């Protein structure tokens, strides 16, 4: 019985994202990073073409 309870607590602790309170913040970080890289590479392409 104790093993099941500790397993559920362990999975609840490991389901948290590393830097944010929820996964929604992590998704926004990834999308923001993607948008930044697209704009950066587009700008570099326009400057050196």
Protein backbone atom coordinates (compact mmCIF):
# COMPACT_ATOMS: atom_id res chain seq x y z
CA UNK A 1 0.00 0.00 0.00
CA UNK A 2 2.80 2.41 0.81
CA UNK A 3 4.51 1.65 -2.50
CA UNK A 4 1.47 2.76 -4.50
CA UNK A 5 1.22 5.99 -2.54
CA UNK A 6 4.93 6.80 -2.93
CA UNK A 7 4.77 5.98 -6.66
CA UNK A 8 1.94 8.46 -7.16
CA UNK A 9 3.85 11.15 -5.28
CA UNK A 10 6.98 10.42 -7.29
CA UNK A 11 5.15 10.68 -10.60
CA UNK A 12 3.49 13.93 -9.49
CA UNK A 13 6.90 15.40 -8.65
CA UNK A 14 8.49 14.29 -11.92
CA UNK A 15 5.63 15.65 -14.05
CA UNK A 16 6.64 19.25 -13.33
CA UNK A 17 8.61 21.14 -15.97
CA UNK A 18 12.17 22.10 -15.05
CA UNK A 19 11.88 25.92 -15.20
CA UNK A 20 8.20 26.84 -14.96
CA UNK A 21 5.21 26.16 -12.74
CA UNK A 22 3.31 24.50 -15.59
CA UNK A 23 4.01 22.99 -18.99
CA UNK A 24 2.20 25.89 -20.64
CA UNK A 25 5.13 28.17 -19.79
CA UNK A 26 7.56 25.69 -21.27
CA UNK A 27 5.55 25.53 -24.50
CA UNK A 28 5.56 29.33 -24.74
CA UNK A 29 9.32 29.35 -24.26
CA UNK A 30 9.80 26.84 -27.08
CA UNK A 31 7.47 28.75 -29.42
CA UNK A 32 9.12 32.06 -28.54
CA UNK A 33 12.53 30.58 -29.21
CA UNK A 34 11.34 29.24 -32.56
CA UNK A 35 9.91 32.64 -33.56
CA UNK A 36 13.14 34.36 -32.52
CA UNK A 37 15.26 31.99 -34.59
CA UNK A 38 13.02 32.36 -37.65
CA UNK A 39 13.21 36.16 -37.46
CA UNK A 40 16.97 36.06 -36.83
CA UNK A 41 17.71 33.79 -39.78
CA UNK A 42 15.35 35.74 -42.04
CA UNK A 43 17.13 38.98 -41.11
CA UNK A 44 20.58 37.48 -41.68
CA UNK A 45 19.44 36.14 -45.05
CA UNK A 46 18.09 39.55 -46.11
CA UNK A 47 21.27 41.37 -45.01
CA UNK A 48 23.73 39.07 -46.77
CA UNK A 49 21.78 38.32 -49.95
